[in-house]
Amino acid sequence: MDSLFAILDGVRRGLPASKATIARSIRTAILGAYRVKNRVPPPEIKAHSTRTVGASSAVRHRAFADSFAKRQPGLPSTCFRRTTADSSLGRRILQAAVIQLVTMGNRVTIIAHTKDLDSTRPVTYVSNANFERDQGAPYVDVICVNSYFSWYHDPGHLEVIQLQLNNQFDNWYDKYQKPIIQTEYGADTIPGFHSCFTHEYAVFGFQDPPLMFTEEYQALVLKHYHSVLDEKRTKCVIGELIWNFADFMTAQTVTRVVGNKKGIFTRQRQPKSSAFILRDRYWKLANSTGYLHKPTV
């Protein structure tokens, strides 16, 4: 990484910049972005706060939008244009400043640029920011939200899911009056792990509530989410996406058990208990809309 950057001034001008120098420059850019937006920067800003957002990222997003509009004009699966990955306040402040910079003062955003390319499709992006501080929601057509209640938030407390999820949808809809898609929800599950009381190979019953990482826990997380999603479908929710289809490998961390285990299938594509819950749910939704009918065989 050092060989890609050079020092622009001072006695070391022209020499390769060290990682520490690059980090200081990034922090300075972040602070400047906050000043541009007339906001107070958070304490102890670190270089990785940019989360890969920079001038090259803004240009790449616009180039992708151009290419996407030309290559995929009418596919049913691409009825939405998603302009960014999930975002939070700090990253969007820096992004807004960078986009204005690379367009040389023109305040055309990626969202507006995408709509100019194809005005027939709604534009969205995925947010995990607080609804009151989100910087992009006023400009998109559909709000996409990720949340992991009882997992990353209040882990182990299944009883909070319906309350918090109801509040999430009400807060977003009351403020922006736009349709909402739940783009991520779920819980890690190790296949074959169960919350049950046993003695000498006899099962006496299941633990209530179940423990995290068990198949019973994942199943209840889904059922609590589905209960609220069904209620809100008549008001503001227009879609839902489980995370994830199948387990996958990740870097080793203390939060991962040999990879991400949020899949409803294993890495070998064997179903967990939650797969059957989703199968029944999706057939029910398909039949209720009249778009698809369950086969008789």
Protein backbone atom coordinates (compact mmCIF):
# COMPACT_ATOMS: atom_id res chain seq x y z
CA MET A 1 0.00 0.00 0.00
CA ASP A 2 2.86 2.42 0.81
CA SER A 3 4.15 2.43 -2.79
CA LEU A 4 0.81 3.72 -4.13
CA PHE A 5 0.99 7.07 -2.31
CA ALA A 6 3.59 9.84 -2.25
CA ILE A 7 4.10 12.82 0.04
CA LEU A 8 3.14 16.05 -1.72
CA ASP A 9 5.02 18.68 0.30
CA GLY A 10 7.66 19.23 2.96
CA VAL A 11 11.20 17.90 3.18
CA ARG A 12 10.02 14.38 2.23
CA ARG A 13 8.15 15.50 -0.87
CA GLY A 14 8.02 12.79 -3.53
CA LEU A 15 8.94 9.98 -1.15
CA PRO A 16 6.54 7.06 -0.52
CA ALA A 17 4.01 7.85 2.21
CA SER A 18 3.95 5.59 5.25
CA LYS A 19 0.75 3.98 6.52
CA ALA A 20 0.74 6.44 9.44
CA THR A 21 0.94 9.40 7.04
CA ILE A 22 -1.86 7.98 4.90
CA ALA A 23 -3.99 7.45 8.01
CA ARG A 24 -3.45 11.07 9.12
CA SER A 25 -4.44 12.31 5.67
CA ILE A 26 -7.62 10.24 5.73
CA ARG A 27 -8.54 11.54 9.18
CA THR A 28 -7.97 15.10 7.96
CA ALA A 29 -10.27 14.46 4.98
CA ILE A 30 -12.98 13.07 7.25
CA LEU A 31 -12.81 16.10 9.54
CA GLY A 32 -12.98 18.38 6.53
CA ALA A 33 -16.05 16.54 5.24
CA TYR A 34 -17.83 17.06 8.55
CA ARG A 35 -17.00 20.79 8.43
CA VAL A 36 -18.38 21.00 4.89
CA LYS A 37 -21.67 19.54 6.17
CA ASN A 38 -21.65 21.87 9.20
CA ARG A 39 -21.65 18.91 11.59
CA VAL A 40 -19.67 18.19 14.73
CA PRO A 41 -17.26 15.30 14.04
CA PRO A 42 -17.38 12.31 16.41
CA PRO A 43 -14.48 11.90 18.84
CA GLU A 44 -11.49 9.69 18.06
CA ILE A 45 -12.01 9.42 14.32
CA LYS A 46 -9.90 6.62 12.86
CA ALA A 47 -8.62 6.17 9.33
CA HIS A 48 -10.89 3.17 8.69
CA SER A 49 -13.95 5.36 9.30
CA THR A 50 -14.05 6.00 5.56
CA ARG A 51 -15.01 2.37 4.91
CA THR A 52 -13.56 2.55 1.36
CA VAL A 53 -15.55 5.65 0.38
CA GLY A 54 -13.44 7.98 -1.71
CA ALA A 55 -13.27 9.81 -5.01
CA SER A 56 -12.59 6.58 -6.90
CA SER A 57 -15.62 4.99 -5.22
CA ALA A 58 -17.91 7.82 -6.27
CA VAL A 59 -16.68 7.68 -9.84
CA ARG A 60 -17.02 3.89 -9.86
CA HIS A 61 -20.62 4.11 -8.65
CA ARG A 62 -21.55 6.49 -11.46
CA ALA A 63 -19.73 4.36 -14.03
CA PHE A 64 -21.56 1.28 -12.75
CA ALA A 65 -24.90 3.07 -13.00
CA ASP A 66 -24.18 3.96 -16.64
CA SER A 67 -23.16 0.40 -17.48
CA PHE A 68 -26.05 -1.13 -15.55
CA ALA A 69 -28.68 0.97 -17.32
CA LYS A 70 -27.28 0.00 -20.73
CA ARG A 71 -26.77 -3.71 -20.07
CA GLN A 72 -29.92 -4.56 -18.10
CA PRO A 73 -32.78 -2.37 -19.30
CA GLY A 74 -35.69 -4.75 -18.77
CA LEU A 75 -34.89 -7.73 -16.56
CA PRO A 76 -37.68 -8.42 -14.00
CA SER A 77 -35.06 -9.13 -11.34
CA THR A 78 -33.54 -5.69 -11.74
CA CYS A 79 -36.66 -3.56 -11.26
CA PHE A 80 -34.73 -1.55 -8.65
CA ARG A 81 -31.53 0.40 -8.93
CA ARG A 82 -29.42 0.09 -5.78
CA THR A 83 -26.88 2.87 -5.64
CA THR A 84 -24.80 2.01 -2.55
CA ALA A 85 -24.18 -0.68 0.02
CA ASP A 86 -25.50 -0.31 3.57
CA SER A 87 -24.37 2.97 5.06
CA SER A 88 -24.19 5.03 8.20
CA LEU A 89 -24.03 8.74 8.98
CA GLY A 90 -20.26 9.24 8.99
CA ARG A 91 -19.68 7.47 5.70
CA ARG A 92 -22.48 9.35 3.95
CA ILE A 93 -21.15 12.72 5.10
CA LEU A 94 -17.78 11.95 3.57
CA GLN A 95 -19.40 10.48 0.47
CA ALA A 96 -21.52 13.59 -0.08
CA ALA A 97 -18.45 15.80 0.09
CA VAL A 98 -16.43 13.53 -2.20
CA ILE A 99 -19.18 13.27 -4.82
CA GLN A 100 -19.43 17.07 -5.01
CA LEU A 101 -15.65 17.23 -5.35
CA VAL A 102 -15.35 14.76 -8.22
CA THR A 103 -18.20 16.40 -10.12
CA MET A 104 -16.33 19.72 -9.83
CA GLY A 105 -18.97 21.52 -7.84
CA ASN A 106 -21.98 20.06 -9.66
CA ARG A 107 -24.38 18.84 -6.96
CA VAL A 108 -25.56 15.88 -9.03
CA THR A 109 -25.67 12.88 -6.71
CA ILE A 110 -25.41 9.23 -7.62
CA ILE A 111 -29.13 8.83 -6.95
CA ALA A 112 -30.11 11.72 -9.23
CA HIS A 113 -27.67 10.52 -11.87
CA THR A 114 -29.19 7.03 -11.78
CA LYS A 115 -32.71 8.42 -12.17
CA ASP A 116 -31.59 10.50 -15.12
CA LEU A 117 -30.38 7.31 -16.82
CA ASP A 118 -33.70 5.50 -16.34
CA SER A 119 -36.67 7.32 -14.86
CA THR A 120 -38.96 4.27 -15.11
CA ARG A 121 -37.44 2.36 -12.19
CA PRO A 122 -37.36 3.19 -8.49
CA VAL A 123 -33.96 3.81 -6.89
CA THR A 124 -32.95 2.61 -3.46
CA TYR A 125 -30.01 1.73 -1.24
CA VAL A 126 -29.67 -0.31 1.95
CA SER A 127 -29.39 1.56 5.25
CA ASN A 128 -28.44 0.54 8.76
CA ALA A 129 -28.39 4.13 10.00
CA ASN A 130 -30.74 5.67 12.53
CA PHE A 131 -33.91 6.81 10.77
CA GLU A 132 -33.54 10.37 12.09
CA ARG A 133 -29.96 10.76 10.86
CA ASP A 134 -30.09 8.94 7.53
CA GLN A 135 -28.86 11.26 4.78
CA GLY A 136 -30.19 9.43 1.74
CA ALA A 137 -33.75 8.39 2.61
CA PRO A 138 -35.36 11.65 1.41
CA TYR A 139 -34.08 11.05 -2.12
CA VAL A 140 -34.81 7.35 -2.75
CA ASP A 141 -38.13 5.82 -3.81
CA VAL A 142 -38.06 2.80 -1.50
CA ILE A 143 -36.38 2.48 1.90
CA CYS A 144 -34.36 -0.70 2.50
CA VAL A 145 -33.45 -1.50 6.11
CA ASN A 146 -31.26 -4.14 7.75
CA SER A 147 -31.83 -5.14 11.38
CA TYR A 148 -30.84 -8.03 13.64
CA PHE A 149 -32.96 -7.68 16.75
CA SER A 150 -32.16 -10.28 19.44
CA TRP A 151 -28.86 -11.02 17.69
CA TYR A 152 -26.50 -8.06 17.31
CA HIS A 153 -28.95 -5.99 19.36
CA ASP A 154 -30.16 -7.45 22.67
CA PRO A 155 -28.69 -10.90 21.95
CA GLY A 156 -30.69 -13.73 23.43
CA HIS A 157 -33.81 -11.63 24.04
CA LEU A 158 -36.39 -12.94 21.61
CA GLU A 159 -39.12 -11.06 23.45
CA VAL A 160 -37.90 -7.68 22.11
CA ILE A 161 -38.12 -8.51 18.41
CA GLN A 162 -41.74 -7.62 17.73
CA LEU A 163 -41.62 -4.42 19.78
CA GLN A 164 -38.41 -3.17 18.18
CA LEU A 165 -39.38 -4.21 14.66
CA ASN A 166 -42.74 -2.46 14.94
CA ASN A 167 -40.97 0.68 16.13
CA GLN A 168 -38.48 0.42 13.26
CA PHE A 169 -41.17 0.33 10.58
CA ASP A 170 -43.33 3.00 12.23
CA ASN A 171 -40.39 5.38 12.64
CA TRP A 172 -39.20 5.09 9.05
CA TYR A 173 -42.67 5.28 7.54
CA ASP A 174 -43.94 8.14 9.71
CA LYS A 175 -40.92 10.25 8.83
CA TYR A 176 -40.58 9.54 5.09
CA GLN A 177 -43.96 8.08 3.99
CA LYS A 178 -42.25 5.64 1.64
CA PRO A 179 -42.58 1.87 1.13
CA ILE A 180 -40.08 -0.28 3.04
CA ILE A 181 -38.24 -3.51 2.33
CA GLN A 182 -36.65 -5.51 5.18
CA THR A 183 -33.46 -6.40 3.34
CA GLU A 184 -31.70 -8.39 6.07
CA TYR A 185 -32.74 -10.29 9.19
CA GLY A 186 -31.73 -13.59 10.75
CA ALA A 187 -29.52 -15.37 13.29
CA ASP A 188 -26.47 -17.63 13.20
CA THR A 189 -27.30 -21.30 13.60
CA ILE A 190 -24.99 -24.29 13.89
CA PRO A 191 -26.76 -27.19 12.16
CA GLY A 192 -27.67 -29.96 14.57
CA PHE A 193 -27.44 -27.77 17.68
CA HIS A 194 -30.64 -27.88 19.76
CA SER A 195 -31.90 -26.42 23.03
CA CYS A 196 -33.18 -29.52 24.77
CA PHE A 197 -32.88 -31.31 28.12
CA THR A 198 -31.40 -34.79 27.81
CA HIS A 199 -30.31 -37.62 30.07
CA GLU A 200 -28.73 -40.84 28.82
CA TYR A 201 -29.88 -40.28 25.25
CA ALA A 202 -33.45 -39.44 26.26
CA VAL A 203 -34.94 -36.04 25.38
CA PHE A 204 -37.11 -34.61 28.15
CA GLY A 205 -38.12 -31.38 26.43
CA PHE A 206 -36.89 -28.23 24.76
CA GLN A 207 -35.51 -25.22 26.59
CA ASP A 208 -37.74 -22.17 26.58
CA PRO A 209 -36.52 -19.74 25.45
CA PRO A 210 -33.94 -21.56 23.30
CA LEU A 211 -30.27 -20.70 23.31
CA MET A 212 -28.52 -18.70 20.63
CA PHE A 213 -26.88 -20.63 17.75
CA THR A 214 -29.46 -23.42 17.98
CA GLU A 215 -31.92 -24.29 15.25
CA GLU A 216 -34.81 -23.49 17.61
CA TYR A 217 -33.46 -19.97 18.20
CA GLN A 218 -33.19 -19.21 14.49
CA ALA A 219 -36.69 -20.57 13.91
CA LEU A 220 -38.19 -18.31 16.59
CA VAL A 221 -36.32 -15.25 15.28
CA LEU A 222 -37.89 -15.85 11.88
CA LYS A 223 -41.37 -16.40 13.30
CA HIS A 224 -41.25 -13.18 15.35
CA TYR A 225 -40.08 -11.21 12.31
CA HIS A 226 -42.73 -12.78 10.10
CA SER A 227 -45.49 -11.87 12.53
CA VAL A 228 -44.62 -8.17 12.27
CA LEU A 229 -43.93 -8.31 8.54
CA ASP A 230 -47.40 -9.75 7.94
CA GLU A 231 -48.97 -6.99 10.02
CA LYS A 232 -47.06 -4.21 8.27
CA ARG A 233 -47.65 -5.53 4.75
CA THR A 234 -50.99 -3.75 4.73
CA LYS A 235 -49.39 -0.44 5.71
CA CYS A 236 -45.83 0.07 4.54
CA VAL A 237 -43.79 -3.13 4.03
CA ILE A 238 -43.56 -4.32 0.44
CA GLY A 239 -40.84 -6.96 0.69
CA GLU A 240 -38.52 -9.06 2.83
CA LEU A 241 -35.16 -10.75 2.31
CA ILE A 242 -33.69 -13.33 4.68
CA TRP A 243 -29.99 -13.28 5.42
CA ASN A 244 -28.86 -15.70 4.29
CA PHE A 245 -29.60 -18.42 1.75
CA ALA A 246 -26.65 -20.59 2.83
CA ASP A 247 -23.74 -20.53 5.27
CA PHE A 248 -20.47 -19.19 3.89
CA MET A 249 -16.86 -18.91 5.00
CA THR A 250 -15.49 -15.67 6.48
CA ALA A 251 -12.32 -14.46 8.11
CA GLN A 252 -11.72 -15.90 11.57
CA THR A 253 -13.14 -13.75 14.36
CA VAL A 254 -14.69 -14.38 17.77
CA THR A 255 -18.14 -13.61 16.30
CA ARG A 256 -17.93 -16.36 13.66
CA VAL A 257 -18.15 -20.11 14.19
CA VAL A 258 -16.26 -21.47 11.17
CA GLY A 259 -17.84 -18.82 8.97
CA ASN A 260 -21.18 -17.04 8.83
CA LYS A 261 -23.90 -19.43 9.96
CA LYS A 262 -26.98 -17.32 9.21
CA GLY A 263 -27.90 -19.49 6.24
CA ILE A 264 -31.09 -21.49 6.18
CA PHE A 265 -28.99 -24.07 4.33
CA THR A 266 -25.54 -25.36 5.23
CA ARG A 267 -22.52 -24.81 3.00
CA GLN A 268 -23.30 -28.28 1.58
CA ARG A 269 -26.86 -27.03 0.80
CA GLN A 270 -28.53 -29.20 3.43
CA PRO A 271 -31.62 -27.57 4.99
CA LYS A 272 -31.84 -26.40 8.59
CA SER A 273 -35.18 -26.26 10.41
CA SER A 274 -35.68 -22.65 9.29
CA ALA A 275 -35.61 -23.69 5.62
CA PHE A 276 -38.95 -25.44 6.03
CA ILE A 277 -40.41 -22.42 7.82
CA LEU A 278 -39.44 -20.17 4.93
CA ARG A 279 -40.65 -22.68 2.34
CA ASP A 280 -44.13 -22.70 3.87
CA ARG A 281 -44.09 -18.93 4.27
CA TYR A 282 -43.09 -18.19 0.69
CA TRP A 283 -45.71 -20.56 -0.71
CA LYS A 284 -48.31 -18.84 1.45
CA LEU A 285 -47.24 -15.40 0.24
CA ALA A 286 -47.13 -16.53 -3.38
CA ASN A 287 -50.61 -18.03 -3.23
CA SER A 288 -52.06 -15.02 -1.41
CA THR A 289 -50.85 -12.71 -4.19
CA GLY A 290 -52.13 -14.97 -6.93
CA TYR A 291 -48.80 -15.05 -8.77
CA LEU A 292 -47.91 -18.65 -8.09
CA HIS A 293 -49.67 -21.86 -7.15
CA LYS A 294 -48.24 -24.72 -5.12
CA PRO A 295 -47.86 -27.93 -7.15
CA THR A 296 -50.02 -30.88 -6.23
CA VAL A 297 -47.13 -33.34 -6.33
